[in-house]
Amino acid sequence: MSLRLTPLLRGAAPARLYSAGAKLPAAPAPGATGSRDVIREQQERCSVPLAADQISDAPPELRQRPVRIFKPSKSSNTSGKSGTAHWRVDFDILEGSARWENPLMGWASSADYMQATYLKFKTSEDAVHFCEKQNWPYFVQQPHAPRIPPKSYSANYDYSPGKLRLHQTK
């Protein structure tokens, strides 16, 4: 199967790959003054899609590895929610890639080369679309909605019958 790379149109358009049987748009003759129908050429180009895993150089064992799509929770030692507005695609832990302590520095090491790799997306639909295009098995972990009880400053001074609450200050 021979692949041919088409030149870029206007510099910002991505290059597309075609299979050997795909119909390529004809280039205008060197002396022709007729205008090109760029929209029609792009529609013809997009009508023959290729799966991303066919042109990827990723190792085959990476294609069968499941990924988790989730929305990260806020850090427990901060009160802000920075870094939680996006969705992440994270690779599952590889079986048999035990972790060990590096004898030289004492750092934790692993045989899993994808353990710290993740991708960020704005929505879960974008992440799912990317995983389907890459032919990766995936599962979506929905975020838990935090239950925030109603609070009132005046509730600190409400009368409640029973034993008196004592607050020690020192």
Protein backbone atom coordinates (compact mmCIF):
# COMPACT_ATOMS: atom_id res chain seq x y z
CA MET A 1 0.00 0.00 0.00
CA SER A 2 1.60 3.23 -1.09
CA LEU A 3 0.72 6.50 0.60
CA ARG A 4 1.04 9.97 -0.86
CA LEU A 5 1.16 13.20 1.08
CA THR A 6 -0.72 16.11 -0.46
CA PRO A 7 0.59 19.65 -0.19
CA LEU A 8 -0.89 22.02 2.38
CA LEU A 9 -3.58 24.47 1.34
CA ARG A 10 -3.15 27.95 2.85
CA GLY A 11 -0.56 26.72 5.33
CA ALA A 12 -3.02 26.02 8.20
CA ALA A 13 -4.86 23.04 6.73
CA PRO A 14 -3.55 19.65 7.94
CA ALA A 15 -1.91 17.31 5.49
CA ARG A 16 -4.06 14.29 4.62
CA LEU A 17 -2.95 10.80 3.67
CA TYR A 18 -4.62 8.84 0.91
CA SER A 19 -4.70 5.16 0.21
CA ALA A 20 -3.54 3.87 -3.16
CA GLY A 21 -7.10 3.50 -4.51
CA ALA A 22 -8.32 6.96 -3.50
CA LYS A 23 -9.11 9.49 -6.19
CA LEU A 24 -6.79 12.48 -5.88
CA PRO A 25 -7.74 15.94 -7.13
CA ALA A 26 -6.09 16.81 -10.40
CA ALA A 27 -3.48 19.57 -10.32
CA PRO A 28 -4.06 22.46 -12.73
CA ALA A 29 -1.92 22.62 -15.85
CA PRO A 30 1.09 24.96 -15.61
CA GLY A 31 -0.33 27.43 -18.14
CA ALA A 32 -4.00 27.22 -17.04
CA THR A 33 -5.68 30.35 -15.69
CA GLY A 34 -8.84 28.65 -14.36
CA SER A 35 -9.66 28.84 -10.66
CA ARG A 36 -9.50 25.84 -8.34
CA ASP A 37 -12.54 24.67 -6.42
CA VAL A 38 -10.82 24.27 -3.03
CA ILE A 39 -14.01 23.39 -1.14
CA ARG A 40 -14.83 20.53 -3.52
CA GLU A 41 -11.25 19.22 -3.24
CA GLN A 42 -11.42 19.25 0.56
CA GLN A 43 -14.78 17.43 0.55
CA GLU A 44 -13.37 14.75 -1.74
CA ARG A 45 -10.31 14.47 0.48
CA CYS A 46 -12.42 14.04 3.63
CA SER A 47 -14.67 11.42 2.04
CA VAL A 48 -11.90 8.80 2.28
CA PRO A 49 -11.00 8.72 6.01
CA LEU A 50 -8.18 6.62 7.40
CA ALA A 51 -8.14 5.32 10.94
CA ALA A 52 -5.36 6.93 12.94
CA ASP A 53 -3.90 3.61 14.07
CA GLN A 54 -3.11 2.65 10.48
CA ILE A 55 -0.64 5.50 10.11
CA SER A 56 0.61 5.61 13.70
CA ASP A 57 4.02 4.38 14.76
CA ALA A 58 2.77 3.42 18.22
CA PRO A 59 3.72 -0.07 19.41
CA PRO A 60 0.99 -2.71 18.93
CA GLU A 61 0.69 -3.45 22.67
CA LEU A 62 -0.37 0.16 23.20
CA ARG A 63 -3.44 -0.30 20.98
CA GLN A 64 -5.01 -2.96 23.22
CA ARG A 65 -4.32 -1.08 26.44
CA PRO A 66 -7.47 0.36 28.05
CA VAL A 67 -7.62 4.03 28.94
CA ARG A 68 -9.67 5.83 31.57
CA ILE A 69 -11.46 9.09 30.78
CA PHE A 70 -12.13 11.12 33.91
CA LYS A 71 -12.39 14.62 35.30
CA PRO A 72 -9.66 15.15 37.92
CA SER A 73 -10.69 16.16 41.41
CA LYS A 74 -9.24 19.14 43.20
CA SER A 75 -6.13 18.69 45.24
CA SER A 76 -6.80 17.95 48.90
CA ASN A 77 -4.32 20.53 50.16
CA THR A 78 -5.84 23.47 48.27
CA SER A 79 -9.17 25.21 48.48
CA GLY A 80 -9.27 26.29 44.83
CA LYS A 81 -10.52 24.21 41.92
CA SER A 82 -7.73 25.06 39.49
CA GLY A 83 -6.95 22.26 37.06
CA THR A 84 -10.34 20.53 37.37
CA ALA A 85 -12.13 22.09 34.39
CA HIS A 86 -10.74 19.63 31.83
CA TRP A 87 -11.09 15.88 31.18
CA ARG A 88 -8.08 13.57 31.20
CA VAL A 89 -7.29 10.40 29.29
CA ASP A 90 -5.03 8.23 31.42
CA PHE A 91 -3.57 4.79 30.63
CA ASP A 92 -4.36 1.93 33.00
CA ILE A 93 -1.55 0.32 34.95
CA LEU A 94 0.21 -2.33 32.92
CA GLU A 95 0.09 -5.84 34.35
CA GLY A 96 3.49 -7.20 35.30
CA SER A 97 5.25 -3.84 35.40
CA ALA A 98 6.15 -3.92 39.04
CA ARG A 99 7.63 -0.83 40.63
CA TRP A 100 10.95 -0.89 42.38
CA GLU A 101 13.19 1.51 44.22
CA ASN A 102 16.06 2.87 42.19
CA PRO A 103 19.26 1.89 44.08
CA LEU A 104 21.18 5.00 43.04
CA MET A 105 18.73 7.79 43.94
CA GLY A 106 16.01 5.98 45.86
CA TRP A 107 13.30 7.08 43.42
CA ALA A 108 10.40 4.84 42.48
CA SER A 109 10.96 3.23 39.06
CA SER A 110 8.68 1.24 36.78
CA ALA A 111 8.85 -0.75 33.56
CA ASP A 112 5.64 0.91 32.37
CA TYR A 113 6.63 3.66 29.93
CA MET A 114 3.07 5.07 29.74
CA GLN A 115 2.43 5.45 33.48
CA ALA A 116 2.89 9.22 33.57
CA THR A 117 1.40 9.96 30.15
CA TYR A 118 -1.99 11.66 29.98
CA LEU A 119 -3.94 13.82 27.54
CA LYS A 120 -6.21 16.77 28.36
CA PHE A 121 -9.52 17.56 26.62
CA LYS A 122 -12.15 20.24 27.12
CA THR A 123 -15.10 17.83 27.12
CA SER A 124 -15.62 14.12 27.65
CA GLU A 125 -17.07 13.84 24.13
CA ASP A 126 -13.78 15.10 22.67
CA ALA A 127 -11.86 12.52 24.69
CA VAL A 128 -14.21 9.71 23.64
CA HIS A 129 -13.95 10.76 19.98
CA PHE A 130 -10.14 10.75 20.19
CA CYS A 131 -10.06 7.29 21.81
CA GLU A 132 -12.44 5.88 19.20
CA LYS A 133 -10.33 7.32 16.40
CA GLN A 134 -7.21 5.74 17.92
CA ASN A 135 -9.11 2.42 18.41
CA TRP A 136 -8.27 2.42 22.12
CA PRO A 137 -10.57 0.57 24.52
CA TYR A 138 -11.83 3.13 27.03
CA PHE A 139 -14.20 3.64 29.93
CA VAL A 140 -15.61 6.93 31.18
CA GLN A 141 -15.56 7.60 34.91
CA GLN A 142 -18.21 10.21 35.71
CA PRO A 143 -17.25 12.82 38.32
CA HIS A 144 -18.87 12.75 41.74
CA ALA A 145 -20.93 15.83 42.54
CA PRO A 146 -19.82 17.21 45.89
CA ARG A 147 -22.55 17.54 48.51
CA ILE A 148 -22.16 20.88 50.20
CA PRO A 149 -24.39 21.20 53.27
CA PRO A 150 -26.09 24.57 53.74
CA LYS A 151 -24.15 26.72 56.16
CA SER A 152 -25.17 29.81 58.07
CA TYR A 153 -23.07 31.91 60.40
CA SER A 154 -26.08 32.58 62.60
CA ALA A 155 -26.50 28.83 63.17
CA ASN A 156 -23.48 29.02 65.49
CA TYR A 157 -25.60 31.01 67.97
CA ASP A 158 -28.90 29.15 67.69
CA TYR A 159 -30.40 27.83 70.91
CA SER A 160 -30.57 24.08 71.15
CA PRO A 161 -31.98 22.40 74.26
CA GLY A 162 -29.76 19.88 75.94
CA LYS A 163 -26.20 19.87 77.08
CA LEU A 164 -24.29 23.12 76.69
CA ARG A 165 -21.58 23.03 74.02
CA LEU A 166 -18.22 24.10 75.32
CA HIS A 167 -15.54 25.38 72.97
CA GLN A 168 -12.04 25.37 74.35
CA THR A 169 -9.78 28.08 73.02
CA LYS A 170 -6.54 27.03 74.70
